[in-house]
């Protein structure tokens, strides 16, 4: 790990194309994507085939062993800190997950720290985080996590896309893949974006790590804009 290790986070409204661009930039730069959702599902052996593919790229074929070690180290650290969460067991977390309860921020961010510590060599060039942070509180906690892991360089890419364009994209996506999106929920998702994500974007803007990129255009054009805004060149074709 070096001080030049870059952590990238993609933010933007629903339908902005965050997942698409994160995957393309991952391929272009050779940065693994570390998905918080995939990590949590893997704790319980419930990762999807898509999750498993990404986890193997980031953590190797023995990703389950590394994730098991990370969650055990997480609970041990929380117990040593005398946090109430230190009394939890993996079985307790499993039950919370089955009941649809969100895992506490402190546990999630400590788990992320230990997961990243386990692959420091593999992410020496850079990583892309997916699904975290989601709130200002998580963003503040992530600052500490990256510092402890040894990542000093953070860039947050905001894909700037108007609401109407996002809505139209989701409608097109729903027509092409009816089971993937329920665009009737768009307004609810937009409101959640404004209430939770926008304050986080403002937090990162004040820290001077936010990069605004015009998210309207072809997928290829937007990828090139992101790479240019980051001052990076692709060693390979992201297509």
Foldseek 3Di string as FASTA:
>chain_A
DAQQAEEEEEDEAAQLCRVVLQLLVCQQAVAQEDELVLLLCLLVPRHDPVSQVSQCSQPNPVSSVQSPVLLVVLLVVCVVVVHPSVPDDSVNVVVCVVVVHDDDLSSSLSSVLSSCLNRLVSRVRYHYYHPPDFALVRVVSVCVSCVVSPHNHYAYEYADDDPVNSLVSLVVVCVVPVVPDDSVCRVVRRVSCVVGVVVNLVVVVVVVRYDYFHSDDDSVVRSVRVCVSVVHGGPDRSD
